[in-house]
Amino acid sequence: MAKKEDIKPEKSEGFIYVSSDGGSFNVPKRLTIKDIKDMEENPYFNSIWEKLSALIFPGKVKISAEDSKGEINQELTAHIKEIAKRTNLNGKIKSTARDRFKWGCSIVSPGYDWIEGWYDLINLNLLPPDSFSNEGDDDYILVSRLLPGIGYTRQKKITFYQTTDTGQYKIKNAVMIKDPTDPYLSGRPSFAALYGVLKMLDYCFNTQMQKVHRTGAPFMFIKIDTSHPDAQASDTQYAKLILKNWGKDVGFALRPNFEVVVPDFKDTKDNLDTIDVLHKIIIDYFSPGAFISKDGQLIGGSDAYSFKLLKSYIESWQSWLEDAYEQIFQKVLDDNGYKDYSVKIDIPEIQENRTEDKRKAVETACNCGISITQDEARSGLEALDLNPLGDEDGSELVKKSSPPQMEFTGASKYDKPIDDIEKTTEDQLSKISDDFEKTIMKILEIE
């Protein structure tokens, strides 16, 4: 029998959430391959990616070959496009983005061979990140925590060991694609910080939703840190006892490793408030627009700022994806003697709906007294990407473009002439904006 002094105790780690309906679920301190694979069935996890993917890839990926002056070479571009079509670049780059979101990185094994006198890229194999589950036998300095088959050796090389049903294999021709700003060896899953929230959502919706709505007792959790020095084996049972009796005239002391978590929803609403609040946490995590508040501005207070932040966030994804695949395709040009040319991959940008901005631009022009002729009105609106005006509409716009006269009560009280008084203040414009808005909207048939 093993002696007590020969074996050191091993404490469990991570967090346990105990809900006020008596159930509990675990949130590990470090994600494992199994944890992530379990997320594949979570509808919220998949919903997050589907929405994010639609923003990152609003259109088909474009590819071209350019010279040092940035001019497109049609012949090389045609050849590169043929390779992109054959290797399904559009699909592979999307799968790479999903692997990064889910696992932190994507492992690609590009294959090159001779085809009709060209040393061409013939395939792009995306290797499942979860297959790099076991550490290899190299002399490592660092090994990925999540994907131990990926390691950094003392020879300053990253090695890849893939495990399949038939054994473990060292993959020599592999490229790891991840966000270059990510400090982790194999990257960090984009959703990692939200794993606990996703588990909570899954738990509430699928197993205990019918018990969430408890009249007179708000729904709450107790978060237990099992790795805390004062953690005890009875923590879960004690937390359940607290939550079961906390609404009565009974006092309980929270242990040092306990934390009460109360979702921000009101008792008077139905049980779906739980999901709504947790879902908002997820949206805020991925939306840069969450930094903008209409009341008490954090950055700015308009949709324009929100869009700029969102666009910047999406472009950060697009940038490293484009760079990674440009390097893979660049090898074709370099190995075939076209080192003076470069491959350019372009993922389309998301487009902002500027209808409201255009309407306001026309309204402001009218309110500020800018006189325009019928031709100027027609050409100006065309410049705004709006439908051209007919003669009748143009005449109506010109007629309405002269703003109403602004009256200043008590002008005699001022020593300065009335012409020196600022006539375009926000308060003055607001008095006349309603009438002009209706007129412009009617003319442009936007209303």
Protein backbone atom coordinates (compact mmCIF):
# COMPACT_ATOMS: atom_id res chain seq x y z
CA MET A 1 0.00 0.00 0.00
CA ALA A 2 1.22 3.45 -0.82
CA LYS A 3 2.47 5.51 2.09
CA LYS A 4 0.89 8.84 2.87
CA GLU A 5 4.22 10.67 2.85
CA ASP A 6 5.07 9.35 -0.64
CA ILE A 7 2.08 10.83 -2.39
CA LYS A 8 1.29 14.53 -2.32
CA PRO A 9 -2.37 15.56 -2.37
CA GLU A 10 -3.58 17.09 -5.62
CA LYS A 11 -6.28 19.72 -5.25
CA SER A 12 -8.92 20.14 -7.89
CA GLU A 13 -8.80 23.47 -9.71
CA GLY A 14 -11.25 25.76 -11.46
CA PHE A 15 -14.59 27.25 -10.48
CA ILE A 16 -17.94 25.70 -9.63
CA TYR A 17 -21.19 27.65 -10.03
CA VAL A 18 -24.04 26.66 -7.73
CA SER A 19 -27.43 28.11 -8.69
CA SER A 20 -30.29 29.04 -6.38
CA ASP A 21 -32.38 26.23 -7.84
CA GLY A 22 -29.99 23.67 -6.43
CA GLY A 23 -28.07 22.71 -9.58
CA SER A 24 -24.38 23.25 -10.32
CA PHE A 25 -21.91 23.15 -13.18
CA ASN A 26 -18.13 23.35 -13.47
CA VAL A 27 -16.05 26.03 -15.18
CA PRO A 28 -12.42 24.87 -15.48
CA LYS A 29 -9.59 27.28 -14.76
CA ARG A 30 -7.90 26.20 -17.99
CA LEU A 31 -9.79 25.04 -21.04
CA THR A 32 -9.08 21.57 -22.39
CA ILE A 33 -9.73 20.05 -25.80
CA LYS A 34 -12.76 18.26 -24.35
CA ASP A 35 -14.20 21.53 -22.99
CA ILE A 36 -14.02 23.15 -26.41
CA LYS A 37 -15.42 20.13 -28.24
CA ASP A 38 -18.37 20.16 -25.83
CA MET A 39 -19.03 23.75 -26.91
CA GLU A 40 -19.69 22.58 -30.48
CA GLU A 41 -23.24 21.69 -29.45
CA ASN A 42 -23.86 24.99 -27.67
CA PRO A 43 -26.26 27.10 -29.79
CA TYR A 44 -24.91 30.35 -28.37
CA PHE A 45 -21.34 29.43 -29.23
CA ASN A 46 -22.33 28.70 -32.82
CA SER A 47 -24.50 31.81 -33.02
CA ILE A 48 -21.60 34.04 -31.96
CA TRP A 49 -19.38 32.66 -34.70
CA GLU A 50 -22.02 32.79 -37.43
CA LYS A 51 -22.61 36.49 -36.76
CA LEU A 52 -18.92 37.33 -36.44
CA SER A 53 -18.12 35.37 -39.61
CA ALA A 54 -20.72 37.32 -41.59
CA LEU A 55 -18.97 40.54 -40.56
CA ILE A 56 -15.45 39.31 -41.33
CA PHE A 57 -16.46 37.86 -44.70
CA PRO A 58 -19.18 40.10 -46.22
CA GLY A 59 -18.18 38.98 -49.72
CA LYS A 60 -15.95 36.66 -51.72
CA VAL A 61 -12.19 36.85 -51.17
CA LYS A 62 -10.25 38.47 -54.04
CA ILE A 63 -6.68 37.66 -55.11
CA SER A 64 -4.27 39.25 -57.59
CA ALA A 65 -0.57 39.52 -58.53
CA GLU A 66 1.00 42.98 -58.56
CA ASP A 67 4.36 44.39 -59.59
CA SER A 68 6.52 46.68 -57.45
CA LYS A 69 4.47 49.69 -58.58
CA GLY A 70 1.22 48.15 -57.43
CA GLU A 71 -0.03 47.48 -60.96
CA ILE A 72 -1.88 44.22 -61.55
CA ASN A 73 -0.30 41.70 -63.91
CA GLN A 74 -3.25 40.13 -65.70
CA GLU A 75 -1.46 36.94 -66.77
CA LEU A 76 -0.07 36.13 -63.31
CA THR A 77 -3.35 37.13 -61.68
CA ALA A 78 -5.26 34.71 -63.91
CA HIS A 79 -2.89 31.91 -62.88
CA ILE A 80 -3.12 32.75 -59.18
CA LYS A 81 -6.92 32.89 -59.39
CA GLU A 82 -6.96 29.44 -60.94
CA ILE A 83 -4.92 28.11 -58.01
CA ALA A 84 -7.22 29.86 -55.53
CA LYS A 85 -10.22 28.22 -57.17
CA ARG A 86 -8.58 24.79 -57.22
CA THR A 87 -7.58 24.95 -53.55
CA ASN A 88 -10.87 26.58 -52.42
CA LEU A 89 -9.14 29.61 -50.92
CA ASN A 90 -12.47 31.24 -50.09
CA GLY A 91 -13.60 28.29 -47.98
CA LYS A 92 -10.21 27.58 -46.42
CA ILE A 93 -9.63 31.13 -45.21
CA LYS A 94 -13.06 31.10 -43.54
CA SER A 95 -12.26 27.78 -41.86
CA THR A 96 -8.96 29.24 -40.67
CA ALA A 97 -10.83 32.12 -39.03
CA ARG A 98 -13.19 29.68 -37.32
CA ASP A 99 -10.28 27.56 -36.02
CA ARG A 100 -8.69 30.68 -34.56
CA PHE A 101 -11.98 31.63 -32.89
CA LYS A 102 -12.47 28.14 -31.52
CA TRP A 103 -8.93 26.89 -30.83
CA GLY A 104 -6.70 29.97 -30.98
CA CYS A 105 -4.93 28.95 -34.18
CA SER A 106 -5.29 27.08 -37.45
CA ILE A 107 -2.84 24.46 -38.74
CA VAL A 108 -2.44 24.43 -42.53
CA SER A 109 -0.36 22.00 -44.58
CA PRO A 110 0.11 23.43 -48.11
CA GLY A 111 1.10 21.00 -50.89
CA TYR A 112 3.22 22.08 -53.88
CA ASP A 113 4.04 20.15 -57.06
CA TRP A 114 4.83 20.60 -60.75
CA ILE A 115 1.85 21.16 -63.04
CA GLU A 116 2.37 21.99 -66.71
CA GLY A 117 5.73 23.64 -66.18
CA TRP A 118 4.68 25.52 -63.04
CA TYR A 119 5.67 24.71 -59.46
CA ASP A 120 2.16 25.19 -58.15
CA LEU A 121 0.19 25.09 -54.94
CA ILE A 122 -1.97 22.00 -55.44
CA ASN A 123 -3.86 21.76 -52.14
CA LEU A 124 -4.43 23.41 -48.78
CA ASN A 125 -5.05 20.85 -46.06
CA LEU A 126 -6.46 22.22 -42.80
CA LEU A 127 -5.49 19.86 -40.00
CA PRO A 128 -7.90 19.60 -37.04
CA PRO A 129 -6.31 21.52 -34.14
CA ASP A 130 -7.71 19.03 -31.61
CA SER A 131 -5.64 16.28 -33.25
CA PHE A 132 -2.52 17.93 -31.78
CA SER A 133 -3.48 16.56 -28.40
CA ASN A 134 -0.31 14.78 -27.24
CA GLU A 135 3.19 16.07 -26.67
CA GLY A 136 5.97 14.92 -28.98
CA ASP A 137 9.45 13.70 -28.01
CA ASP A 138 11.46 16.79 -28.99
CA ASP A 139 13.60 18.82 -26.57
CA TYR A 140 11.07 21.51 -25.78
CA ILE A 141 11.41 24.91 -24.17
CA LEU A 142 7.68 25.53 -24.31
CA VAL A 143 4.62 23.40 -25.06
CA SER A 144 1.12 24.66 -25.83
CA ARG A 145 -1.17 24.16 -22.85
CA LEU A 146 -4.29 23.61 -24.93
CA LEU A 147 -2.65 21.79 -27.87
CA PRO A 148 0.40 20.00 -26.43
CA GLY A 149 1.26 18.54 -29.83
CA ILE A 150 2.57 22.01 -30.68
CA GLY A 151 5.87 22.91 -29.04
CA TYR A 152 8.85 25.24 -29.26
CA THR A 153 12.21 23.48 -29.21
CA ARG A 154 15.66 24.52 -28.02
CA GLN A 155 16.60 24.76 -31.69
CA LYS A 156 14.11 27.63 -31.86
CA LYS A 157 11.67 25.77 -34.08
CA ILE A 158 7.97 25.11 -33.69
CA THR A 159 7.17 21.44 -34.15
CA PHE A 160 3.84 19.75 -34.77
CA TYR A 161 2.85 16.24 -33.61
CA GLN A 162 -0.54 15.01 -34.79
CA THR A 163 -2.29 12.10 -33.08
CA THR A 164 -4.71 9.92 -35.04
CA ASP A 165 -6.31 6.51 -34.57
CA THR A 166 -3.22 4.88 -36.09
CA GLY A 167 -0.58 6.69 -34.02
CA GLN A 168 1.32 9.91 -33.63
CA TYR A 169 3.05 11.62 -36.55
CA LYS A 170 5.42 14.55 -36.81
CA ILE A 171 4.09 16.99 -39.41
CA LYS A 172 7.05 18.61 -41.16
CA ASN A 173 5.13 20.70 -43.69
CA ALA A 174 2.82 22.72 -41.47
CA VAL A 175 2.03 26.41 -41.09
CA MET A 176 0.39 27.73 -37.93
CA ILE A 177 -1.88 30.71 -38.55
CA LYS A 178 -2.95 32.88 -35.63
CA ASP A 179 -3.30 36.50 -34.64
CA PRO A 180 0.34 37.72 -34.52
CA THR A 181 -0.48 39.90 -31.49
CA ASP A 182 -1.54 36.86 -29.45
CA PRO A 183 1.28 36.11 -26.94
CA TYR A 184 0.36 32.43 -26.51
CA LEU A 185 2.36 29.82 -28.46
CA SER A 186 -0.68 28.36 -30.21
CA GLY A 187 -2.96 31.35 -29.65
CA ARG A 188 -5.89 31.69 -27.30
CA PRO A 189 -9.48 30.86 -28.31
CA SER A 190 -11.44 34.05 -28.93
CA PHE A 191 -14.31 32.89 -26.76
CA ALA A 192 -12.17 31.60 -23.87
CA ALA A 193 -13.06 34.46 -21.51
CA LEU A 194 -16.76 33.77 -22.11
CA TYR A 195 -16.66 30.03 -21.48
CA GLY A 196 -18.28 30.41 -18.06
CA VAL A 197 -21.05 32.62 -19.43
CA LEU A 198 -21.74 30.16 -22.25
CA LYS A 199 -21.95 27.29 -19.78
CA MET A 200 -24.32 29.33 -17.64
CA LEU A 201 -26.52 30.07 -20.65
CA ASP A 202 -26.55 26.45 -21.69
CA TYR A 203 -27.39 25.38 -18.19
CA CYS A 204 -30.22 27.87 -17.68
CA PHE A 205 -31.85 27.31 -21.03
CA ASN A 206 -31.55 23.56 -21.44
CA THR A 207 -31.85 22.12 -17.94
CA GLN A 208 -33.31 24.51 -15.40
CA MET A 209 -35.24 27.22 -17.26
CA GLN A 210 -38.52 26.10 -15.75
CA LYS A 211 -37.17 26.80 -12.26
CA VAL A 212 -35.41 30.11 -12.90
CA HIS A 213 -38.46 32.26 -12.27
CA ARG A 214 -38.97 32.11 -8.53
CA THR A 215 -41.51 34.53 -7.11
CA GLY A 216 -39.98 36.69 -4.37
CA ALA A 217 -36.50 35.20 -4.70
CA PRO A 218 -34.13 36.59 -7.37
CA PHE A 219 -32.15 34.03 -9.32
CA MET A 220 -28.51 33.88 -8.23
CA PHE A 221 -25.33 31.82 -8.28
CA ILE A 222 -22.52 31.24 -5.84
CA LYS A 223 -19.14 31.01 -7.55
CA ILE A 224 -16.74 28.64 -5.76
CA ASP A 225 -12.98 28.87 -6.33
CA THR A 226 -11.86 25.27 -5.84
CA SER A 227 -8.19 26.21 -6.09
CA HIS A 228 -8.40 28.65 -3.14
CA PRO A 229 -6.21 27.68 -0.15
CA ASP A 230 -9.32 27.52 2.05
CA ALA A 231 -11.34 25.35 -0.36
CA GLN A 232 -13.13 22.42 1.27
CA ALA A 233 -14.75 19.26 -0.01
CA SER A 234 -18.08 20.39 1.45
CA ASP A 235 -18.13 23.73 -0.43
CA THR A 236 -20.71 22.69 -3.01
CA GLN A 237 -23.13 21.25 -0.46
CA TYR A 238 -22.73 24.28 1.80
CA ALA A 239 -23.41 26.65 -1.12
CA LYS A 240 -26.58 24.72 -1.97
CA LEU A 241 -27.70 25.01 1.66
CA ILE A 242 -27.18 28.79 1.61
CA LEU A 243 -29.11 29.25 -1.62
CA LYS A 244 -31.94 27.02 -0.46
CA ASN A 245 -32.52 28.94 2.76
CA TRP A 246 -31.16 32.43 2.16
CA GLY A 247 -34.61 34.07 1.87
CA LYS A 248 -35.64 32.97 5.38
CA ASP A 249 -34.67 34.27 8.81
CA VAL A 250 -31.47 32.30 8.76
CA GLY A 251 -27.96 33.75 8.67
CA PHE A 252 -25.06 32.19 6.81
CA ALA A 253 -21.40 33.15 6.53
CA LEU A 254 -19.81 33.02 3.07
CA ARG A 255 -16.58 31.12 2.95
CA PRO A 256 -13.44 32.94 1.67
CA ASN A 257 -13.61 31.18 -1.70
CA PHE A 258 -17.30 32.03 -2.28
CA GLU A 259 -18.56 34.83 -4.49
CA VAL A 260 -22.24 35.69 -5.01
CA VAL A 261 -23.15 36.25 -8.67
CA VAL A 262 -26.51 37.92 -9.35
CA PRO A 263 -27.44 38.45 -13.02
CA ASP A 264 -28.77 41.96 -13.66
CA PHE A 265 -32.44 41.27 -14.31
CA LYS A 266 -35.62 42.14 -12.46
CA ASP A 267 -37.77 39.73 -10.51
CA THR A 268 -40.92 40.97 -12.23
CA LYS A 269 -39.91 39.76 -15.68
CA ASP A 270 -40.16 36.24 -16.95
CA ASN A 271 -37.39 33.70 -16.76
CA LEU A 272 -36.02 34.55 -20.21
CA ASP A 273 -34.43 37.64 -18.62
CA THR A 274 -31.66 35.34 -17.48
CA ILE A 275 -30.77 34.48 -21.05
CA ASP A 276 -31.18 38.08 -22.22
CA VAL A 277 -28.72 39.44 -19.69
CA LEU A 278 -26.13 36.73 -20.23
CA HIS A 279 -26.52 37.08 -23.98
CA LYS A 280 -25.87 40.83 -23.68
CA ILE A 281 -22.61 40.07 -21.89
CA ILE A 282 -21.52 38.02 -24.90
CA ILE A 283 -22.53 40.69 -27.42
CA ASP A 284 -20.72 43.41 -25.45
CA TYR A 285 -17.57 41.28 -25.30
CA PHE A 286 -17.29 41.05 -29.09
CA SER A 287 -18.75 44.47 -29.96
CA PRO A 288 -16.38 47.48 -29.83
CA GLY A 289 -19.54 49.62 -29.86
CA ALA A 290 -20.05 48.65 -26.22
CA PHE A 291 -17.42 51.30 -25.40
CA ILE A 292 -19.80 53.97 -26.68
CA SER A 293 -22.57 55.33 -24.55
CA LYS A 294 -25.30 57.61 -25.80
CA ASP A 295 -25.73 58.89 -22.23
CA GLY A 296 -22.51 60.06 -20.66
CA GLN A 297 -20.18 59.43 -23.56
CA LEU A 298 -17.28 57.07 -23.06
CA ILE A 299 -15.84 57.67 -26.53
CA GLY A 300 -18.49 59.19 -28.73
CA GLY A 301 -22.22 59.17 -28.83
CA SER A 302 -23.19 58.27 -32.35
CA ASP A 303 -23.68 55.32 -34.64
CA ALA A 304 -20.84 56.67 -36.79
CA TYR A 305 -18.34 56.08 -33.98
CA SER A 306 -19.79 52.63 -33.35
CA PHE A 307 -19.35 51.69 -36.98
CA LYS A 308 -15.78 52.97 -37.09
CA LEU A 309 -14.86 50.89 -34.06
CA LEU A 310 -16.60 47.84 -35.46
CA LYS A 311 -14.87 48.27 -38.81
CA SER A 312 -11.49 48.61 -37.12
CA TYR A 313 -12.13 45.42 -35.14
CA ILE A 314 -13.16 43.47 -38.23
CA GLU A 315 -10.20 44.78 -40.24
CA SER A 316 -7.84 43.51 -37.55
CA TRP A 317 -9.13 39.99 -38.26
CA GLN A 318 -8.98 40.46 -42.01
CA SER A 319 -5.43 41.82 -41.92
CA TRP A 320 -3.68 38.82 -40.37
CA LEU A 321 -5.77 36.37 -42.41
CA GLU A 322 -4.77 38.14 -45.64
CA ASP A 323 -1.09 38.30 -44.63
CA ALA A 324 -0.93 34.61 -43.74
CA TYR A 325 -2.41 33.34 -47.00
CA GLU A 326 -0.45 35.85 -49.09
CA GLN A 327 2.75 34.20 -47.81
CA ILE A 328 1.46 30.74 -48.77
CA PHE A 329 0.58 31.86 -52.31
CA GLN A 330 3.71 34.03 -52.64
CA LYS A 331 5.84 30.87 -52.72
CA VAL A 332 4.33 30.07 -56.13
CA LEU A 333 5.57 33.34 -57.64
CA ASP A 334 8.97 33.19 -55.92
CA ASP A 335 9.73 29.58 -56.91
CA ASN A 336 8.72 30.26 -60.50
CA GLY A 337 11.03 33.26 -60.91
CA TYR A 338 8.58 36.10 -60.25
CA LYS A 339 10.16 37.47 -57.07
CA ASP A 340 9.50 41.04 -58.21
CA TYR A 341 5.77 40.39 -58.02
CA SER A 342 3.65 40.00 -54.93
CA VAL A 343 0.36 38.29 -54.17
CA LYS A 344 -2.40 40.49 -52.79
CA ILE A 345 -5.43 39.00 -51.06
CA ASP A 346 -8.36 41.23 -50.25
CA ILE A 347 -11.29 40.37 -48.00
CA PRO A 348 -14.12 42.86 -48.74
CA GLU A 349 -14.85 45.48 -46.11
CA ILE A 350 -18.20 45.76 -44.39
CA GLN A 351 -20.25 48.62 -45.81
CA GLU A 352 -22.05 51.23 -43.77
CA ASN A 353 -25.62 52.20 -44.62
CA ARG A 354 -25.23 55.96 -44.97
CA THR A 355 -28.81 56.80 -45.95
CA GLU A 356 -29.41 58.70 -42.71
CA ASP A 357 -26.13 60.63 -43.03
CA LYS A 358 -27.00 61.65 -46.58
CA ARG A 359 -30.43 62.80 -45.54
CA LYS A 360 -28.96 64.90 -42.75
CA ALA A 361 -26.39 66.39 -45.14
CA VAL A 362 -29.15 67.61 -47.45
CA GLU A 363 -31.19 68.88 -44.51
CA THR A 364 -28.23 70.77 -43.04
CA ALA A 365 -27.39 72.34 -46.39
CA CYS A 366 -30.94 73.65 -46.69
CA ASN A 367 -31.08 74.86 -43.11
CA CYS A 368 -27.83 76.76 -43.46
CA GLY A 369 -29.19 78.76 -46.39
CA ILE A 370 -27.10 77.26 -49.17
CA SER A 371 -28.79 78.37 -52.41
CA ILE A 372 -28.73 75.75 -55.14
CA THR A 373 -30.10 75.65 -58.64
CA GLN A 374 -32.11 72.77 -60.03
CA ASP A 375 -29.06 71.36 -61.84
CA GLU A 376 -26.91 71.69 -58.72
CA ALA A 377 -29.53 69.95 -56.65
CA ARG A 378 -29.73 67.10 -59.14
CA SER A 379 -25.95 66.68 -59.45
CA GLY A 380 -25.41 67.11 -55.73
CA LEU A 381 -27.85 64.39 -54.85
CA GLU A 382 -26.28 62.08 -57.42
CA ALA A 383 -22.94 62.68 -55.69
CA LEU A 384 -24.58 61.46 -52.51
CA ASP A 385 -25.49 58.19 -54.24
CA LEU A 386 -29.19 59.01 -54.09
CA ASN A 387 -31.60 58.63 -56.95
CA PRO A 388 -31.48 61.51 -59.50
CA LEU A 389 -34.34 63.98 -59.26
CA GLY A 390 -36.82 64.62 -62.02
CA ASP A 391 -37.51 68.18 -63.20
CA GLU A 392 -40.58 68.50 -61.01
CA ASP A 393 -38.81 67.22 -57.90
CA GLY A 394 -35.77 69.40 -58.61
CA SER A 395 -37.88 72.52 -58.87
CA GLU A 396 -39.61 71.68 -55.60
CA LEU A 397 -36.26 71.20 -53.84
CA VAL A 398 -34.90 74.54 -55.09
CA LYS A 399 -38.07 76.24 -53.94
CA LYS A 400 -37.78 74.69 -50.50
CA SER A 401 -34.02 75.21 -50.15
CA SER A 402 -34.37 78.76 -48.85
CA PRO A 403 -34.64 78.50 -45.07
CA PRO A 404 -37.30 80.35 -43.05
CA GLN A 405 -36.25 83.67 -41.59
CA MET A 406 -34.95 83.42 -38.08
CA GLU A 407 -36.40 85.90 -35.62
CA PHE A 408 -34.46 87.21 -32.65
CA THR A 409 -36.64 88.46 -29.83
CA GLY A 410 -35.19 91.20 -27.71
CA ALA A 411 -32.61 92.16 -30.31
CA SER A 412 -32.81 95.79 -29.25
CA LYS A 413 -31.16 94.85 -25.99
CA TYR A 414 -27.88 94.17 -27.78
CA ASP A 415 -25.44 96.95 -28.57
CA LYS A 416 -24.08 95.10 -31.61
CA PRO A 417 -26.00 95.02 -34.92
CA ILE A 418 -28.15 91.97 -35.43
CA ASP A 419 -25.93 90.86 -38.33
CA ASP A 420 -23.17 90.17 -35.81
CA ILE A 421 -25.29 87.72 -33.87
CA GLU A 422 -24.57 84.08 -34.73
CA LYS A 423 -27.48 82.85 -36.81
CA THR A 424 -26.71 79.16 -37.08
CA THR A 425 -26.67 77.97 -33.50
CA GLU A 426 -27.97 74.54 -32.65
CA ASP A 427 -31.03 75.94 -30.87
CA GLN A 428 -32.03 78.03 -33.89
CA LEU A 429 -31.63 75.16 -36.31
CA SER A 430 -33.64 72.83 -34.14
CA LYS A 431 -36.68 75.12 -34.43
CA ILE A 432 -36.85 74.77 -38.19
CA SER A 433 -35.41 71.27 -38.69
CA ASP A 434 -38.71 69.41 -38.37
CA ASP A 435 -40.38 71.17 -41.30
CA PHE A 436 -37.36 70.77 -43.55
CA GLU A 437 -36.94 67.11 -42.63
CA LYS A 438 -40.48 66.34 -43.71
CA THR A 439 -40.02 68.28 -46.96
CA ILE A 440 -36.71 66.62 -47.86
CA MET A 441 -37.96 63.16 -46.92
CA LYS A 442 -41.04 63.66 -49.10
CA ILE A 443 -39.01 64.86 -52.08
CA LEU A 444 -36.43 62.08 -51.81
CA GLU A 445 -39.14 59.50 -51.08
CA ILE A 446 -37.16 58.11 -48.19
CA GLU A 447 -39.97 58.38 -45.68
